[in-house]
Protein backbone atom coordinates (compact mmCIF):
# COMPACT_ATOMS: atom_id res chain seq x y z
CA MET A 1 0.17 0.15 -0.02
CA LEU A 2 0.84 3.52 -0.80
CA HIS A 3 1.23 6.40 1.57
CA ARG A 4 -0.39 8.46 -1.04
CA LEU A 5 -3.45 6.28 -1.63
CA ARG A 6 -4.89 6.06 1.69
CA CYS A 7 -7.27 8.17 -0.19
CA PHE A 8 -9.74 9.44 2.74
CA ASP A 9 -10.16 11.36 5.81
CA ILE A 10 -13.49 12.32 8.07
CA VAL A 11 -13.02 16.37 7.96
CA GLN A 12 -15.56 18.24 10.18
CA ILE A 13 -16.83 20.92 8.24
CA ASN A 14 -20.24 23.18 10.21
CA GLY A 15 -20.64 20.12 12.52
CA ALA A 16 -20.91 17.96 9.90
CA TRP A 17 -17.97 14.90 9.80
CA ILE A 18 -17.25 14.24 5.80
CA LEU A 19 -15.65 11.73 4.44
CA SER A 20 -12.87 13.58 1.78
CA SER A 21 -9.82 12.75 0.18
CA GLN A 22 -6.74 13.28 1.98
CA ILE A 23 -3.05 13.41 0.56
CA GLY A 24 -0.94 14.62 3.52
CA LEU A 25 1.42 11.88 4.37
CA PHE A 26 3.89 13.08 1.58
CA GLY A 27 4.18 16.30 -0.64
CA ASP A 28 5.96 16.11 -3.98
CA GLU A 29 4.84 19.69 -4.70
CA THR A 30 6.80 21.00 -1.85
CA ASN A 31 9.65 18.45 -1.24
CA ILE A 32 7.69 17.07 1.58
CA LYS A 33 9.28 13.25 2.04
CA PRO A 34 6.91 9.99 3.21
CA TRP A 35 5.56 10.14 6.71
CA LYS A 36 8.06 8.07 8.38
CA ASP A 37 10.85 9.64 6.67
CA THR A 38 9.77 13.31 7.01
CA LEU A 39 9.39 12.03 10.87
CA LYS A 40 12.86 11.14 10.86
CA ASP A 41 14.41 14.36 10.00
CA ILE A 42 12.19 16.33 12.18
CA LYS A 43 12.91 13.94 15.16
CA GLU A 44 16.96 14.89 14.20
CA GLY A 45 15.88 18.63 14.11
CA ASN A 46 14.33 18.37 17.82
CA LYS A 47 17.58 17.85 18.93
CA LYS A 48 19.77 20.10 17.49
CA THR A 49 18.16 22.77 19.92
CA LYS A 50 16.91 22.43 23.52
CA TRP A 51 13.57 23.90 24.61
CA LYS A 52 14.76 26.11 26.85
CA ASP A 53 17.69 27.48 24.05
CA ARG A 54 15.15 28.31 21.65
CA VAL A 55 14.13 31.42 20.50
CA PRO A 56 11.75 32.29 22.80
CA TYR A 57 8.78 34.03 19.93
CA ALA A 58 5.79 32.24 18.32
CA TYR A 59 7.07 31.39 14.40
CA TRP A 60 5.00 30.41 11.57
CA LYS A 61 6.05 29.77 8.10
CA GLY A 62 3.79 29.52 5.02
CA ASN A 63 1.59 30.53 2.38
CA PRO A 64 -0.47 32.97 3.46
CA TYR A 65 -2.38 34.17 0.70
CA VAL A 66 -4.72 31.02 0.59
CA ALA A 67 -7.29 32.05 2.98
CA GLN A 68 -8.39 35.07 5.16
CA THR A 69 -7.51 34.05 8.49
CA ARG A 70 -3.83 33.68 6.89
CA GLN A 71 -3.37 37.04 5.76
CA ASN A 72 -4.85 38.67 8.80
CA LEU A 73 -1.97 36.55 10.80
CA LEU A 74 0.66 39.00 9.00
CA GLN A 75 -0.52 41.27 10.77
CA CYS A 76 0.71 40.29 14.43
CA ASN A 77 4.33 39.68 12.74
CA VAL A 78 6.90 41.94 15.22
CA THR A 79 7.85 45.53 13.68
CA LEU A 80 9.67 48.05 15.47
CA GLU A 81 6.60 50.14 16.42
CA LYS A 82 4.73 46.70 18.23
CA ASP A 83 5.38 43.49 19.61
CA TRP A 84 3.57 40.49 19.45
CA ASN A 85 6.15 38.40 20.27
CA THR A 86 5.56 36.55 16.90
CA LEU A 87 7.81 36.28 13.84
CA ILE A 88 5.97 35.35 10.66
CA TYR A 89 7.85 34.45 7.23
CA ILE A 90 6.35 34.22 3.90
CA GLN A 91 6.75 30.80 2.05
CA ASP A 92 7.03 31.60 -1.94
CA TRP A 93 6.75 27.96 -2.97
CA ILE A 94 7.76 28.77 -6.68
CA GLN A 95 10.60 30.64 -5.71
CA GLU A 96 11.38 27.89 -3.15
CA SER A 97 11.43 24.90 -5.71
CA ASN A 98 13.28 27.16 -8.11
CA GLN A 99 16.15 26.46 -5.52
CA GLY A 100 16.15 23.50 -4.40
CA PHE A 101 14.07 23.38 -1.56
CA GLU A 102 16.81 24.56 0.29
CA LYS A 103 15.54 26.22 2.99
CA SER A 104 12.09 24.91 3.51
CA SER A 105 13.13 21.14 5.53
CA LEU A 106 10.51 20.50 8.41
CA GLY A 107 13.92 19.22 10.06
CA ASP A 108 15.34 22.79 10.71
CA GLN A 109 12.46 24.53 11.37
CA CYS A 110 12.35 23.16 15.18
CA THR A 111 14.23 26.45 16.56
CA HIS A 112 11.73 28.45 18.48
CA ARG A 113 9.91 27.63 21.50
CA TYR A 114 6.19 28.08 20.19
CA LYS A 115 4.87 27.03 16.42
CA ILE A 116 1.56 28.39 15.25
CA TYR A 117 -1.04 26.33 13.15
CA ILE A 118 -3.61 27.98 11.28
CA GLU A 119 -6.03 26.91 8.68
CA GLY A 120 -5.76 27.41 5.33
CA TRP A 121 -8.82 27.32 2.75
CA ALA A 122 -9.30 24.30 4.65
CA TRP A 123 -7.63 21.75 7.29
CA SER A 124 -3.86 22.32 6.66
CA VAL A 125 -1.37 18.96 6.11
CA SER A 126 1.38 21.30 8.15
CA GLU A 127 -0.38 20.37 11.40
CA LYS A 128 0.90 17.16 11.99
CA TYR A 129 4.47 18.82 11.01
CA ILE A 130 4.51 21.77 13.59
CA MET A 131 3.00 19.20 16.29
CA ALA A 132 5.99 17.19 15.77
CA CYS A 133 8.39 19.42 16.86
CA ASP A 134 8.50 19.34 20.50
CA SER A 135 7.70 23.23 20.45
CA MET A 136 4.40 24.45 22.28
CA THR A 137 1.85 24.82 19.32
CA LEU A 138 -0.53 27.39 19.31
CA TYR A 139 -3.61 25.97 17.65
CA VAL A 140 -5.64 28.85 16.41
CA ARG A 141 -9.53 28.07 16.26
CA SER A 142 -10.17 26.31 13.14
CA ASN A 143 -13.38 25.79 11.01
CA TYR A 144 -12.15 22.14 9.43
CA HIS A 145 -10.19 19.80 12.14
CA ASP A 146 -7.92 16.89 11.14
CA PHE A 147 -9.49 13.34 12.54
CA PHE A 148 -6.78 12.96 15.20
CA MET A 149 -7.74 16.46 16.80
CA ARG A 150 -10.62 14.71 18.34
CA ASP A 151 -8.01 13.10 20.90
CA MET A 152 -6.35 16.31 21.44
CA VAL A 153 -7.02 18.68 24.43
CA PRO A 154 -6.45 21.97 24.76
CA LEU A 155 -3.54 22.65 27.78
CA GLN A 156 -2.50 18.93 27.44
CA HIS A 157 -1.65 18.92 23.72
CA TYR A 158 -1.87 22.12 22.31
CA TRP A 159 -2.27 25.91 23.78
CA PRO A 160 -5.42 27.16 21.68
CA ILE A 161 -6.05 30.92 20.58
CA ARG A 162 -8.87 32.91 19.52
CA ASP A 163 -9.30 33.64 15.49
CA ASN A 164 -11.06 37.10 16.04
CA SER A 165 -7.90 38.53 18.44
CA LYS A 166 -5.28 36.21 17.08
CA CYS A 167 -2.29 38.85 18.02
CA SER A 168 -2.97 39.38 21.55
CA SER A 169 -4.01 36.25 22.18
CA LEU A 170 -0.44 34.87 20.36
CA LYS A 171 1.21 37.49 22.77
CA PHE A 172 -0.41 36.44 26.10
CA ALA A 173 0.25 32.82 24.87
CA VAL A 174 3.76 33.31 24.90
CA GLU A 175 4.29 35.23 27.59
CA TRP A 176 2.64 32.94 29.95
CA GLY A 177 4.95 30.53 28.24
CA ASN A 178 7.68 32.08 28.85
CA ASN A 179 6.92 32.83 32.60
CA HIS A 180 5.75 28.69 33.04
CA THR A 181 8.26 27.52 31.19
CA GLN A 182 8.41 24.02 32.42
CA LYS A 183 4.35 23.86 31.58
CA ALA A 184 4.61 25.00 28.24
CA GLN A 185 7.49 22.50 27.25
CA ALA A 186 5.74 20.08 29.05
CA ILE A 187 2.87 20.80 26.71
CA GLY A 188 4.97 21.09 23.49
CA GLU A 189 6.04 17.42 24.34
CA ALA A 190 3.48 16.04 24.99
CA GLY A 191 1.88 16.95 21.40
CA SER A 192 5.01 16.06 19.64
CA LYS A 193 4.99 12.15 21.65
CA PHE A 194 1.18 12.42 20.05
CA ILE A 195 1.78 12.78 16.87
CA GLN A 196 4.86 10.57 16.65
CA GLU A 197 3.50 8.01 18.71
CA ASP A 198 -0.01 7.72 18.03
CA LEU A 199 0.37 8.80 14.14
CA ASP A 200 2.45 5.64 13.44
CA MET A 201 1.82 4.20 9.89
CA LYS A 202 0.93 1.20 11.27
CA ASN A 203 -2.04 2.63 13.31
CA VAL A 204 -3.30 5.12 10.38
CA TYR A 205 -3.26 2.10 8.48
CA ASP A 206 -5.76 0.32 10.99
CA TYR A 207 -8.01 3.93 10.89
CA MET A 208 -7.90 3.59 7.12
CA PHE A 209 -9.32 0.02 7.26
CA HIS A 210 -11.75 0.83 9.96
CA LEU A 211 -13.00 4.07 8.42
CA LEU A 212 -13.67 2.50 5.24
CA ASN A 213 -15.11 -0.57 6.47
CA GLU A 214 -17.87 1.19 8.30
CA TYR A 215 -18.39 3.84 5.26
CA ALA A 216 -19.06 0.70 2.82
CA LYS A 217 -21.92 0.04 5.60
CA LEU A 218 -23.37 3.09 4.13
CA LEU A 219 -23.27 1.95 0.31
CA ARG A 220 -26.55 1.39 -0.64
CA PHE A 221 -25.65 -0.44 -3.79
CA LYS A 222 -23.04 -3.68 -4.45
CA PRO A 223 -19.92 -2.51 -6.36
CA LYS A 224 -18.98 -4.29 -9.14
CA VAL A 225 -16.52 -4.60 -11.10
CA PRO A 226 -17.57 -3.94 -14.79
CA ARG A 227 -17.33 -6.34 -17.94
CA GLY A 228 -14.22 -5.67 -19.54
CA ALA A 229 -12.35 -3.46 -17.48
CA VAL A 230 -8.77 -4.22 -16.66
CA GLU A 231 -6.75 -3.40 -14.37
CA PHE A 232 -4.77 0.08 -15.08
CA CYS A 233 -2.11 -0.46 -13.12
CA ALA A 234 -0.55 -2.91 -10.76
CA GLU A 235 0.78 -2.01 -7.02
CA LYS A 236 4.33 -2.23 -7.49
CA LEU A 237 3.60 -0.09 -10.82
CA MET A 238 1.81 2.53 -8.96
CA ALA A 239 4.04 5.55 -9.63
CA CYS A 240 4.26 4.12 -13.94
CA ASP A 241 2.98 7.42 -14.80
CA VAL A 242 4.86 9.74 -12.99
CA ASN A 243 8.69 11.01 -12.73
CA GLY A 244 10.65 13.20 -10.54
CA ASN A 245 9.79 13.08 -6.44
CA LYS A 246 6.45 11.87 -6.73
CA ARG A 247 7.58 9.38 -8.20
CA ARG A 248 10.75 8.26 -5.79
CA PHE A 249 8.43 9.34 -2.32
CA MET A 250 5.75 6.49 -4.11
CA GLU A 251 8.01 4.40 -4.34
CA GLU A 252 9.45 5.04 -0.80
CA SER A 253 6.06 5.42 0.69
CA LEU A 254 5.83 1.27 -0.84
CA GLU A 255 4.58 -0.99 1.54
CA LYS A 256 6.58 -4.58 0.90
CA VAL A 257 5.21 -6.76 2.71
CA PRO A 258 1.72 -7.47 4.33
CA SER A 259 1.13 -6.89 8.07
CA ASP A 260 2.05 -9.35 10.22
CA SER A 261 -0.65 -8.33 12.77
CA ASN A 262 -4.55 -8.34 12.62
CA PRO A 263 -5.39 -4.49 12.61
CA CYS A 264 -6.41 -3.14 16.09
CA ILE A 265 -9.80 -3.70 17.71
CA LEU A 266 -12.01 -0.73 16.80
CA PRO A 267 -13.60 0.44 20.16
CA PRO A 268 -17.40 1.15 20.85
CA PRO A 269 -18.61 4.17 19.95
CA TYR A 270 -19.04 7.26 22.95
CA ASP A 271 -21.94 6.45 24.58
CA PRO A 272 -23.73 10.16 25.03
CA LEU A 273 -22.80 11.29 29.01
CA THR A 274 -18.82 10.02 27.95
CA LEU A 275 -18.45 12.22 24.63
CA GLN A 276 -20.79 14.94 26.21
CA GLU A 277 -17.48 15.27 29.24
CA LEU A 278 -15.03 14.67 26.75
CA LEU A 279 -16.47 17.87 25.04
CA GLU A 280 -16.82 19.91 28.13
CA ARG A 281 -13.25 18.99 29.14
CA LYS A 282 -11.94 20.37 25.94
CA ALA A 283 -14.52 23.75 26.12
CA ASN A 284 -13.48 24.48 30.02
CA SER A 285 -9.79 24.38 29.03
CA THR A 286 -10.48 26.67 26.22
CA LYS A 287 -12.44 29.10 28.39
CA GLN A 288 -9.39 29.26 31.06
CA VAL A 289 -6.72 30.08 28.69
CA GLU A 290 -9.39 32.84 27.80
CA SER A 291 -10.19 33.97 31.36
CA TRP A 292 -6.32 33.83 31.82
CA GLU A 293 -6.06 36.45 28.36
CA GLU A 294 -8.38 38.64 29.82
CA LYS A 295 -7.24 39.05 33.28
CA TYR A 296 -3.77 39.75 31.41
CA TRP A 297 -4.49 42.20 29.22
CA HIS A 298 -7.31 43.74 31.59
CA SER A 299 -4.30 44.12 34.16
CA LYS A 300 -2.03 45.48 31.54
CA ASN A 301 -4.41 47.84 29.50
CA ASN A 302 -5.24 49.56 33.83
CA GLY A 303 -0.85 49.57 34.17
CA GLN A 304 -1.13 47.09 36.76
């Protein structure tokens, strides 16, 4: 099986869970290698700079022109007149491609104590790369959510950021983290551990297996191979019609042998009470942060 062909993901859009295509575990267009290799690079990058020695600012690098919310984030960049404790860098992927992707290595971006996640025109595949870096993730409130976010909890795995007042929210998050370094480091490491361990490809494939099986139960027809149909491309030749990085990454992500174990056992659905408790825990953690933030700015604006 090829990582590129894991095919589906559940994305939450306006309260509805939608089964949609997912192409996130590598990106040949941006020179992002298969997840296993990328994660190895990020782990090595984590070792280069200890958390306490990292730049005590929030960091984001990406394309801001895919969504208004990202363009708004540009206003939070540090200037001579205003310091929001935030460093924003625009990624020009066309220029980067022409220069051989010399400045876009994900393993070289684990240099700041805090990293910002913000969605694009939908959810962003950068989410797991950001969270794997041991830096405390500053997660701007999103409308779209990747499947693994359902198990991640504010103040345990990441720090929630308001989407309607990003700059002040980011500044407070960094101030809090720099005044509570052990707690901030622990949040960053917990989020990173979740991504590095729970998003192991074996777990991802198990998730795909159960997802497609559950989705198949909703089908109202029985799929059949049309008469006269021929197989387009055998598994080992999946990349037969492509070249360059796309072909190389697809070949590198090819699973050479079948799994030697059965898929994990799908746990039963949450009962209503347990699900409500989980949702309330997340909501209460976010409200706690917002309460701290409001007190901080009230005190600061009143010169206390």
